[in-house]
């Protein structure tokens, strides 16, 4: 087995050979698609980092910076190799390395890398674990874990145990080999949206639709304290990486800070104007990241209890956020419309998106997790797909907004048929969001049942792809409904015309 890799993106091809090929010339040729598969081979980069570690200089003038030329491909390394003289744009992973979708799949609600990052674990709406190889992205295992939909999963800091929760208020303990250890019923049977371990791993915290945040003892598997103060469902919770402080975000538009020892509310942040969907601590312990349904991402400095910045880039609800594991000021966020955005804040950053992928997924991005080495980002979506994002080739402009100077505006139309209302959306929400994200002007002619578009050729191509995908999903759902209706009709006819309950 030989391994060929591309260091610029980490993309490689594994090629297997038959030892008897030279001796038996009459054998049938094996399909090449079965012998080649893409992978993210980071082992060569890791070996280069170890070999150069003794000679690495910490002076900025001696740091090597990648150049947009093919001669720099073999010198590309892992993100950790560029510390402390790193460039934050190296963390903008805009190249889609692979797309996975399990057979008979359902929406991917939660995901997490296993300790060491060798595999990716995903949880879907059917309550099933799916295990994917983190190198070749191949399917490895599917396991029934919960009776209802997954909500979250969290590894302990010592990486000895995994916690998962579901929509029925059940918390389960798992060993690193994905073997069940213990089960707890909590939050009165309400959905548990997120779990988080304390820095010492002796406690963990959960939040749910019963408007409470609960602190648990890990070893004794008992509830220690109930934190009450939110007026609606609590959607997200996170324990401070080094202190006894818990942060929670709720549908009541509030972000609260708690003392888990006394159960008191330390502070309340009123920055958002709609439901707070996600909260996350930076590893430095000073910055708090929040995402909301008001389409804003906010960063707070808890040392001064003030807002550092309010980031505008999403055109729909922010559904997922994640800090980069190595670069302090870099994080990624996902939206309800499938948009993936990379940000860089801090002294050398700004409040504009560093890179944007408008249609990373066809539907909402429910969860995202960085690989521990920082060279991969995994995203799970309501479109039933899990995608792996890697660093782009040197010199590529994917994810960056290009200035279109000479492109003239043109007009085009898309026939909508009976799906005019689907494209318009409730109170025009769908078409307004599409206009914002693509920069085009749209008008629906309800008499002719067509969508009129004005924009550049590239913009119109993107709109057509988006609208056609939406109509395909609608037609697919209509086909399934018609089939179900025909089956019910035939069953009723076979029953002699009796439509009441079973006799």
Protein backbone atom coordinates (compact mmCIF):
# COMPACT_ATOMS: atom_id res chain seq x y z
CA UNK A 1 0.00 0.00 0.00
CA UNK A 2 1.53 3.28 -1.11
CA UNK A 3 0.47 6.71 0.08
CA UNK A 4 0.59 9.85 -2.05
CA UNK A 5 -0.38 13.13 -0.49
CA UNK A 6 -0.81 16.79 -1.25
CA UNK A 7 0.60 18.78 1.65
CA UNK A 8 -1.13 22.03 0.64
CA UNK A 9 -4.58 20.77 1.53
CA UNK A 10 -3.65 17.53 3.23
CA UNK A 11 -5.53 15.78 0.43
CA UNK A 12 -4.12 12.47 -0.67
CA UNK A 13 -4.89 9.25 -2.49
CA UNK A 14 -4.37 5.75 -1.14
CA UNK A 15 -3.46 3.37 -3.95
CA UNK A 16 -3.44 -0.37 -3.47
CA UNK A 17 -1.71 -2.77 -5.88
CA UNK A 18 -2.17 -6.45 -6.67
CA UNK A 19 1.07 -8.42 -6.25
CA UNK A 20 0.01 -10.97 -8.86
CA UNK A 21 -0.74 -8.38 -11.55
CA UNK A 22 2.60 -8.90 -13.36
CA UNK A 23 2.36 -12.70 -13.33
CA UNK A 24 -1.25 -12.96 -14.46
CA UNK A 25 -1.86 -10.72 -17.48
CA UNK A 26 -5.18 -12.31 -18.34
CA UNK A 27 -6.96 -11.30 -15.14
CA UNK A 28 -9.72 -8.73 -15.40
CA UNK A 29 -8.82 -5.17 -14.57
CA UNK A 30 -10.15 -3.99 -11.23
CA UNK A 31 -12.25 -0.86 -11.22
CA UNK A 32 -9.98 2.07 -10.41
CA UNK A 33 -12.67 3.67 -8.27
CA UNK A 34 -12.25 0.82 -5.78
CA UNK A 35 -8.49 1.37 -5.57
CA UNK A 36 -8.42 5.14 -5.09
CA UNK A 37 -10.03 7.24 -2.43
CA UNK A 38 -9.37 10.71 -1.12
CA UNK A 39 -7.96 11.21 2.35
CA UNK A 40 -6.50 13.86 4.62
CA UNK A 41 -3.00 12.57 5.25
CA UNK A 42 -1.46 14.78 7.93
CA UNK A 43 1.21 12.32 9.07
CA UNK A 44 3.91 13.74 6.79
CA UNK A 45 3.21 17.24 8.11
CA UNK A 46 3.44 15.95 11.68
CA UNK A 47 6.78 14.26 10.97
CA UNK A 48 8.12 17.49 9.47
CA UNK A 49 7.04 19.37 12.59
CA UNK A 50 8.77 16.90 14.92
CA UNK A 51 11.96 16.88 12.85
CA UNK A 52 12.11 20.70 12.76
CA UNK A 53 11.11 21.26 16.36
CA UNK A 54 14.67 21.45 17.69
CA UNK A 55 15.59 24.08 15.14
CA UNK A 56 12.41 26.16 15.30
CA UNK A 57 13.03 29.85 15.89
CA UNK A 58 10.60 32.01 17.81
CA UNK A 59 11.74 35.25 16.19
CA UNK A 60 9.15 36.69 13.76
CA UNK A 61 11.86 37.51 11.19
CA UNK A 62 12.89 33.85 11.00
CA UNK A 63 9.38 32.49 10.54
CA UNK A 64 8.48 30.82 7.26
CA UNK A 65 5.35 32.09 5.57
CA UNK A 66 3.60 30.18 2.81
CA UNK A 67 3.71 31.69 -0.64
CA UNK A 68 0.95 31.32 -3.28
CA UNK A 69 3.13 29.13 -5.49
CA UNK A 70 3.41 25.41 -6.16
CA UNK A 71 6.96 25.38 -4.79
CA UNK A 72 5.55 25.96 -1.29
CA UNK A 73 3.25 22.93 -1.37
CA UNK A 74 5.79 20.54 0.10
CA UNK A 75 6.55 22.98 2.93
CA UNK A 76 2.98 23.26 4.20
CA UNK A 77 2.59 22.03 7.78
CA UNK A 78 -0.02 21.60 10.49
CA UNK A 79 -1.42 24.70 12.25
CA UNK A 80 0.56 23.89 15.39
CA UNK A 81 3.80 24.15 13.41
CA UNK A 82 3.24 27.85 12.77
CA UNK A 83 2.93 28.81 16.44
CA UNK A 84 3.75 31.36 17.80
CA UNK A 85 4.34 33.24 14.50
CA UNK A 86 1.11 32.08 12.92
CA UNK A 87 -1.19 33.67 10.36
CA UNK A 88 -4.85 33.36 11.34
CA UNK A 89 -6.02 33.00 7.74
CA UNK A 90 -4.45 29.52 7.70
CA UNK A 91 -7.42 28.44 9.83
CA UNK A 92 -9.98 29.45 7.19
CA UNK A 93 -10.88 25.98 5.93
CA UNK A 94 -12.83 26.69 2.75
CA UNK A 95 -12.03 23.53 0.77
CA UNK A 96 -14.69 20.81 1.04
CA UNK A 97 -12.57 17.69 1.41
CA UNK A 98 -15.38 15.12 1.64
CA UNK A 99 -19.11 14.64 2.05
CA UNK A 100 -20.50 11.66 3.98
CA UNK A 101 -24.05 10.43 4.17
CA UNK A 102 -25.05 7.16 5.80
CA UNK A 103 -27.59 4.80 4.24
CA UNK A 104 -31.14 5.54 5.41
CA UNK A 105 -29.73 8.66 7.02
CA UNK A 106 -31.52 11.32 9.02
CA UNK A 107 -30.53 14.88 10.04
CA UNK A 108 -27.19 15.10 11.87
CA UNK A 109 -27.84 16.89 15.15
CA UNK A 110 -24.55 16.51 17.04
CA UNK A 111 -20.98 15.41 16.38
CA UNK A 112 -17.63 15.09 18.12
CA UNK A 113 -14.08 13.92 17.38
CA UNK A 114 -12.85 10.95 19.38
CA UNK A 115 -9.78 11.47 21.62
CA UNK A 116 -6.80 12.04 19.36
CA UNK A 117 -8.99 12.92 16.39
CA UNK A 118 -8.73 9.56 14.63
CA UNK A 119 -12.49 9.20 14.14
CA UNK A 120 -15.58 11.37 13.98
CA UNK A 121 -18.65 10.43 15.95
CA UNK A 122 -22.04 11.77 14.79
CA UNK A 123 -25.50 11.56 16.36
CA UNK A 124 -28.63 11.80 14.25
CA UNK A 125 -32.33 12.44 14.72
CA UNK A 126 -33.04 8.71 15.04
CA UNK A 127 -30.79 8.42 18.12
CA UNK A 128 -28.03 6.54 16.30
CA UNK A 129 -24.26 6.81 16.58
CA UNK A 130 -22.33 6.81 13.29
CA UNK A 131 -18.55 6.43 13.32
CA UNK A 132 -16.44 7.79 10.45
CA UNK A 133 -12.71 7.41 9.86
CA UNK A 134 -10.99 10.78 10.27
CA UNK A 135 -8.32 10.00 7.66
CA UNK A 136 -10.13 8.34 4.74
CA UNK A 137 -13.69 9.42 5.74
CA UNK A 138 -14.91 5.85 5.33
CA UNK A 139 -17.90 4.48 7.23
CA UNK A 140 -16.98 2.29 10.22
CA UNK A 141 -19.92 1.69 12.55
CA UNK A 142 -23.54 2.53 13.24
CA UNK A 143 -25.04 1.95 16.68
CA UNK A 144 -28.43 2.56 18.27
CA UNK A 145 -27.68 4.78 21.26
CA UNK A 146 -30.91 6.61 22.23
CA UNK A 147 -34.61 5.96 21.71
CA UNK A 148 -35.21 9.55 20.57
CA UNK A 149 -33.26 12.25 18.75
CA UNK A 150 -29.72 13.16 19.83
CA UNK A 151 -29.20 16.60 21.29
CA UNK A 152 -25.55 16.82 22.37
CA UNK A 153 -22.38 14.94 23.23
CA UNK A 154 -19.34 15.97 25.29
CA UNK A 155 -16.04 14.26 26.14
CA UNK A 156 -14.46 14.64 29.56
CA UNK A 157 -11.21 16.61 29.66
CA UNK A 158 -9.23 13.46 30.55
CA UNK A 159 -10.91 11.79 27.53
CA UNK A 160 -11.97 8.77 29.55
CA UNK A 161 -15.75 9.13 29.17
CA UNK A 162 -18.36 10.47 26.79
CA UNK A 163 -21.69 12.02 27.76
CA UNK A 164 -24.70 12.14 25.43
CA UNK A 165 -28.23 13.49 25.81
CA UNK A 166 -31.47 13.16 23.86
CA UNK A 167 -34.87 14.78 23.36
CA UNK A 168 -36.52 12.67 26.06
CA UNK A 169 -34.38 13.91 28.98
CA UNK A 170 -31.99 10.93 29.06
CA UNK A 171 -28.24 11.27 29.78
CA UNK A 172 -25.92 8.37 29.04
CA UNK A 173 -22.33 7.60 30.01
CA UNK A 174 -20.09 5.92 27.41
CA UNK A 175 -16.59 4.49 27.52
CA UNK A 176 -13.98 5.46 24.87
CA UNK A 177 -14.82 2.22 23.04
CA UNK A 178 -18.46 3.47 22.72
CA UNK A 179 -19.79 0.97 25.23
CA UNK A 180 -22.74 2.08 27.43
CA UNK A 181 -21.90 2.54 31.10
CA UNK A 182 -24.80 4.30 32.83
CA UNK A 183 -28.08 6.07 32.09
CA UNK A 184 -29.79 8.93 33.94
CA UNK A 185 -33.27 10.42 33.48
CA UNK A 186 -33.22 14.19 34.02
CA UNK A 187 -35.05 17.47 33.43
CA UNK A 188 -38.44 15.85 33.89
CA UNK A 189 -38.38 14.17 30.49
CA UNK A 190 -37.74 17.44 28.61
CA UNK A 191 -35.13 17.72 25.86
CA UNK A 192 -31.56 18.25 27.11
CA UNK A 193 -29.83 20.54 24.63
CA UNK A 194 -26.24 20.64 25.84
CA UNK A 195 -23.76 19.11 28.30
CA UNK A 196 -20.45 20.45 29.59
CA UNK A 197 -17.79 19.13 31.99
CA UNK A 198 -16.14 21.05 34.79
CA UNK A 199 -12.34 21.59 34.54
CA UNK A 200 -11.71 18.77 37.04
CA UNK A 201 -14.20 16.36 35.38
CA UNK A 202 -15.82 15.69 38.77
CA UNK A 203 -18.97 17.63 37.82
CA UNK A 204 -20.92 18.33 34.69
CA UNK A 205 -23.79 20.64 33.80
CA UNK A 206 -26.87 20.19 31.62
CA UNK A 207 -29.59 22.47 30.27
CA UNK A 208 -33.04 21.70 28.92
CA UNK A 209 -36.50 22.77 27.90
CA UNK A 210 -37.65 22.93 31.53
CA UNK A 211 -35.96 26.38 31.79
CA UNK A 212 -33.34 25.09 34.24
CA UNK A 213 -29.61 24.48 34.37
CA UNK A 214 -28.62 21.48 36.50
CA UNK A 215 -25.27 20.60 38.08
CA UNK A 216 -24.44 16.89 38.48
CA UNK A 217 -21.88 14.86 40.39
CA UNK A 218 -20.05 12.70 37.88
CA UNK A 219 -19.02 9.76 40.10
CA UNK A 220 -22.24 9.45 42.13
CA UNK A 221 -24.49 10.25 39.14
CA UNK A 222 -26.75 12.47 41.19
CA UNK A 223 -28.13 15.96 40.80
CA UNK A 224 -26.43 18.49 43.09
CA UNK A 225 -28.06 21.78 42.28
CA UNK A 226 -30.76 23.32 40.10
CA UNK A 227 -30.04 26.81 38.71
CA UNK A 228 -33.30 28.64 38.09
CA UNK A 229 -33.67 32.11 36.60
CA UNK A 230 -34.37 31.77 32.90
CA UNK A 231 -37.90 32.43 31.74
CA UNK A 232 -37.89 30.00 28.82
CA UNK A 233 -36.10 26.97 27.33
CA UNK A 234 -32.34 26.96 27.94
CA UNK A 235 -30.68 26.17 24.60
CA UNK A 236 -26.98 26.14 25.46
CA UNK A 237 -24.64 25.85 28.44
CA UNK A 238 -20.86 25.88 28.88
CA UNK A 239 -18.59 25.49 31.92
CA UNK A 240 -15.64 27.88 32.17
CA UNK A 241 -12.38 26.12 31.13
CA UNK A 242 -10.61 26.90 34.42
CA UNK A 243 -13.02 28.49 36.92
CA UNK A 244 -16.25 27.73 38.74
CA UNK A 245 -18.41 29.75 36.35
CA UNK A 246 -21.22 28.46 34.15
CA UNK A 247 -22.67 30.32 31.19
CA UNK A 248 -26.13 29.62 29.76
CA UNK A 249 -28.16 31.00 26.84
CA UNK A 250 -31.94 30.81 26.58
CA UNK A 251 -34.97 31.57 24.42
CA UNK A 252 -35.70 34.49 26.75
CA UNK A 253 -32.89 36.39 24.91
CA UNK A 254 -30.65 36.35 28.00
CA UNK A 255 -27.13 35.08 28.68
CA UNK A 256 -26.55 34.31 32.35
CA UNK A 257 -23.42 33.59 34.37
CA UNK A 258 -23.79 31.24 37.38
CA UNK A 259 -21.80 30.19 40.43
CA UNK A 260 -22.23 26.38 40.56
CA UNK A 261 -21.17 26.21 44.22
CA UNK A 262 -23.84 28.52 45.60
CA UNK A 263 -26.31 28.37 42.71
CA UNK A 264 -26.50 32.15 42.51
CA UNK A 265 -26.72 34.24 39.36
CA UNK A 266 -23.50 36.24 38.99
CA UNK A 267 -24.48 38.41 36.04
CA UNK A 268 -26.90 38.71 33.13
CA UNK A 269 -26.03 39.92 29.63
CA UNK A 270 -28.80 41.63 27.66
CA UNK A 271 -27.06 42.02 24.29
CA UNK A 272 -29.31 39.89 22.07
CA UNK A 273 -32.81 40.72 20.86
CA UNK A 274 -33.89 37.13 20.15
CA UNK A 275 -33.30 33.57 21.34
CA UNK A 276 -29.71 32.73 22.26
CA UNK A 277 -28.91 29.48 20.47
CA UNK A 278 -25.23 28.87 21.37
CA UNK A 279 -22.62 29.96 23.91
CA UNK A 280 -18.92 29.00 23.98
CA UNK A 281 -15.90 29.95 26.09
CA UNK A 282 -12.56 30.75 24.53
CA UNK A 283 -9.70 28.64 25.89
CA UNK A 284 -8.11 31.80 27.34
CA UNK A 285 -11.06 31.99 29.75
CA UNK A 286 -11.63 35.69 29.10
CA UNK A 287 -13.81 35.74 25.98
CA UNK A 288 -17.36 34.50 25.76
CA UNK A 289 -18.91 33.83 22.35
CA UNK A 290 -22.69 33.87 21.82
CA UNK A 291 -24.85 33.20 18.77
CA UNK A 292 -28.50 34.14 18.46
CA UNK A 293 -31.61 34.04 16.36
CA UNK A 294 -31.20 37.78 15.76
CA UNK A 295 -28.47 36.80 13.20
CA UNK A 296 -25.69 38.27 15.36
CA UNK A 297 -22.58 36.75 16.90
CA UNK A 298 -21.28 38.63 19.94
CA UNK A 299 -18.00 38.41 21.84
CA UNK A 300 -17.90 39.48 25.50
CA UNK A 301 -14.92 40.13 27.75
CA UNK A 302 -16.03 38.83 31.16
CA UNK A 303 -13.16 40.58 32.96
CA UNK A 304 -14.84 43.91 32.32
CA UNK A 305 -18.33 42.48 31.65
CA UNK A 306 -18.53 44.36 28.36
CA UNK A 307 -19.21 43.55 24.75
CA UNK A 308 -16.05 43.45 22.62
CA UNK A 309 -17.75 43.25 19.23
CA UNK A 310 -21.00 42.41 17.49
CA UNK A 311 -20.45 40.50 14.25
CA UNK A 312 -22.90 40.78 11.37
CA UNK A 313 -22.59 38.30 8.54
CA UNK A 314 -25.42 35.80 8.79
CA UNK A 315 -28.75 36.39 7.08
CA UNK A 316 -30.62 33.85 9.20
CA UNK A 317 -30.43 32.38 12.70
CA UNK A 318 -26.97 31.42 14.02
CA UNK A 319 -27.21 27.72 14.87
CA UNK A 320 -23.63 26.68 15.71
CA UNK A 321 -20.30 28.22 16.77
CA UNK A 322 -16.86 26.81 17.57
CA UNK A 323 -13.51 28.34 18.59
CA UNK A 324 -10.35 27.17 16.85
CA UNK A 325 -8.38 24.83 19.17
CA UNK A 326 -5.02 26.56 18.56
CA UNK A 327 -5.54 30.08 17.19
CA UNK A 328 -7.04 32.15 19.98
CA UNK A 329 -8.85 34.76 17.90
CA UNK A 330 -10.33 32.49 15.18
CA UNK A 331 -13.72 30.81 15.26
CA UNK A 332 -16.35 29.48 12.85
CA UNK A 333 -20.12 29.91 12.83
CA UNK A 334 -22.95 28.18 10.96
CA UNK A 335 -26.40 29.49 10.09
CA UNK A 336 -29.92 28.23 9.55
CA UNK A 337 -29.54 28.73 5.78
CA UNK A 338 -26.42 26.52 5.62
CA UNK A 339 -23.89 29.38 5.49
CA UNK A 340 -20.47 28.73 7.03
CA UNK A 341 -18.41 31.78 8.08
CA UNK A 342 -14.87 32.04 9.49
CA UNK A 343 -14.02 35.01 11.71
CA UNK A 344 -10.84 36.56 13.10
CA UNK A 345 -11.17 38.96 16.01
CA UNK A 346 -8.71 40.52 18.42
CA UNK A 347 -6.06 43.26 18.03
CA UNK A 348 -5.16 42.28 14.44
CA UNK A 349 -8.61 41.10 13.42
CA UNK A 350 -11.74 42.91 12.34
CA UNK A 351 -15.50 42.64 12.48
CA UNK A 352 -15.88 41.54 8.86
CA UNK A 353 -16.03 37.82 7.96
CA UNK A 354 -12.59 36.42 7.15
CA UNK A 355 -14.05 33.85 4.74
CA UNK A 356 -17.58 32.86 3.81
CA UNK A 357 -19.06 29.74 2.21
CA UNK A 358 -22.65 30.74 1.30
CA UNK A 359 -24.10 27.28 0.63
CA UNK A 360 -21.88 25.00 2.65
CA UNK A 361 -25.02 22.95 3.41
CA UNK A 362 -28.50 23.00 1.89
CA UNK A 363 -30.11 23.39 5.31
CA UNK A 364 -29.26 24.39 8.89
CA UNK A 365 -25.81 23.55 10.29
CA UNK A 366 -26.69 22.10 13.69
CA UNK A 367 -23.19 21.40 14.98
CA UNK A 368 -19.52 21.83 14.09
CA UNK A 369 -16.29 20.61 15.64
CA UNK A 370 -12.62 21.34 14.90
CA UNK A 371 -10.12 18.50 14.70
CA UNK A 372 -7.75 18.67 17.72
CA UNK A 373 -4.87 19.47 15.35
CA UNK A 374 -6.86 22.35 13.82
CA UNK A 375 -6.46 21.28 10.17
CA UNK A 376 -10.01 19.95 9.71
CA UNK A 377 -13.51 21.17 10.52
CA UNK A 378 -16.49 18.80 10.57
CA UNK A 379 -20.04 20.11 10.17
CA UNK A 380 -23.35 18.28 10.61
CA UNK A 381 -26.54 19.55 9.04
CA UNK A 382 -30.26 19.11 8.72
CA UNK A 383 -29.65 18.07 5.09
CA UNK A 384 -28.47 14.68 6.50
CA UNK A 385 -24.87 15.25 5.45
CA UNK A 386 -21.62 15.48 7.37
CA UNK A 387 -18.94 17.51 5.62
CA UNK A 388 -15.20 17.78 6.21
CA UNK A 389 -13.53 21.12 5.47
CA UNK A 390 -9.79 21.47 4.91
CA UNK A 391 -7.29 24.19 4.06
CA UNK A 392 -7.38 25.42 0.49
CA UNK A 393 -4.66 25.18 -2.09
CA UNK A 394 -2.16 28.01 -2.03
CA UNK A 395 -3.39 30.89 -4.15
CA UNK A 396 -7.02 29.75 -4.21
CA UNK A 397 -9.75 32.34 -3.62
CA UNK A 398 -12.50 29.97 -2.43
CA UNK A 399 -14.48 31.54 0.40
CA UNK A 400 -13.17 35.05 -0.30
CA UNK A 401 -15.40 37.74 -1.72
CA UNK A 402 -14.15 38.66 -5.16
CA UNK A 403 -14.79 42.07 -6.66
CA UNK A 404 -16.79 41.81 -9.87
CA UNK A 405 -15.83 44.93 -11.78
CA UNK A 406 -16.57 44.14 -15.42
CA UNK A 407 -19.55 41.80 -14.96
CA UNK A 408 -22.65 43.44 -16.32
CA UNK A 409 -26.08 42.92 -14.83
CA UNK A 410 -28.37 40.57 -16.72
CA UNK A 411 -31.89 39.27 -16.17
CA UNK A 412 -33.20 35.72 -16.11
CA UNK A 413 -36.26 33.73 -15.02
CA UNK A 414 -37.00 30.47 -13.25
CA UNK A 415 -40.32 28.70 -13.66
CA UNK A 416 -41.86 27.91 -10.26
CA UNK A 417 -45.11 26.17 -11.23
CA UNK A 418 -47.27 25.50 -8.19
CA UNK A 419 -44.44 26.25 -5.73
CA UNK A 420 -44.60 30.05 -5.73
CA UNK A 421 -45.41 30.19 -2.01
CA UNK A 422 -42.50 27.88 -1.13
CA UNK A 423 -39.95 30.18 -2.80
CA UNK A 424 -41.46 33.34 -1.28
CA UNK A 425 -41.57 31.83 2.22
CA UNK A 426 -43.45 33.04 5.24
CA UNK A 427 -43.80 36.83 4.96
CA UNK A 428 -41.16 36.74 2.22
CA UNK A 429 -38.45 35.39 4.55
CA UNK A 430 -37.01 32.87 2.08
CA UNK A 431 -36.65 35.18 -0.90
CA UNK A 432 -35.35 38.07 1.27
CA UNK A 433 -32.64 35.86 2.77
CA UNK A 434 -31.66 34.61 -0.69
CA UNK A 435 -31.36 38.17 -2.01
CA UNK A 436 -29.12 39.17 0.89
CA UNK A 437 -26.82 36.17 0.58
CA UNK A 438 -26.44 36.33 -3.22
CA UNK A 439 -26.59 40.09 -3.77
CA UNK A 440 -29.25 39.80 -6.46
CA UNK A 441 -32.64 41.43 -6.98
CA UNK A 442 -35.64 39.12 -7.23
CA UNK A 443 -39.31 39.50 -8.04
CA UNK A 444 -41.98 36.79 -8.14
CA UNK A 445 -44.54 37.16 -10.92
CA UNK A 446 -47.47 35.28 -9.40
CA UNK A 447 -49.53 35.52 -12.62
CA UNK A 448 -46.91 33.84 -14.81
CA UNK A 449 -45.54 31.83 -11.82
CA UNK A 450 -41.92 32.70 -12.50
CA UNK A 451 -39.05 34.08 -10.42
CA UNK A 452 -37.36 37.07 -12.09
CA UNK A 453 -33.69 37.59 -11.18
CA UNK A 454 -31.36 40.50 -11.84
CA UNK A 455 -27.64 40.13 -11.20
CA UNK A 456 -24.35 38.94 -12.67
CA UNK A 457 -24.09 35.62 -14.47
CA UNK A 458 -22.29 34.07 -11.51
CA UNK A 459 -24.90 35.29 -9.04
CA UNK A 460 -27.78 34.01 -11.18
CA UNK A 461 -26.11 30.61 -11.45
CA UNK A 462 -25.92 30.38 -7.66
CA UNK A 463 -29.59 31.40 -7.30
CA UNK A 464 -30.70 28.78 -9.83
CA UNK A 465 -28.79 26.07 -8.03
CA UNK A 466 -30.33 27.08 -4.72
CA UNK A 467 -33.91 27.35 -6.02
CA UNK A 468 -33.71 24.07 -7.95
CA UNK A 469 -32.46 22.27 -4.84
CA UNK A 470 -35.40 23.71 -2.87
CA UNK A 471 -37.93 22.64 -5.52
CA UNK A 472 -36.40 19.16 -5.73
CA UNK A 473 -36.88 18.66 -2.00
CA UNK A 474 -40.49 19.84 -2.25
CA UNK A 475 -41.21 17.51 -5.18
CA UNK A 476 -39.58 14.60 -3.39
CA UNK A 477 -41.76 15.18 -0.33
CA UNK A 478 -44.88 15.51 -2.50
CA UNK A 479 -44.05 12.21 -4.20
CA UNK A 480 -43.74 10.39 -0.88
CA UNK A 481 -47.07 11.86 0.29
CA UNK A 482 -48.82 10.76 -2.92
CA UNK A 483 -47.45 7.22 -2.57
CA UNK A 484 -48.64 7.03 1.04
CA UNK A 485 -52.11 8.28 0.01
CA UNK A 486 -52.39 5.64 -2.74
CA UNK A 487 -51.42 2.89 -0.31
CA UNK A 488 -54.00 4.06 2.22
CA UNK A 489 -56.67 4.26 -0.50
CA UNK A 490 -55.95 0.75 -1.74
CA UNK A 491 -55.98 -0.59 1.81
CA UNK A 492 -59.36 1.06 2.45
CA UNK A 493 -60.79 -0.37 -0.78
CA UNK A 494 -59.64 -3.86 0.16
CA UNK A 495 -61.41 -3.51 3.49
CA UNK A 496 -64.86 -3.36 1.89
CA UNK A 497 -65.34 0.39 2.16
CA UNK A 498 -65.18 0.57 5.95
CA UNK A 499 -63.21 3.65 7.04
CA UNK A 500 -63.69 3.52 10.80
CA UNK A 501 -61.47 1.96 13.45
CA UNK A 502 -60.55 -1.73 13.30
CA UNK A 503 -63.45 -4.01 14.17
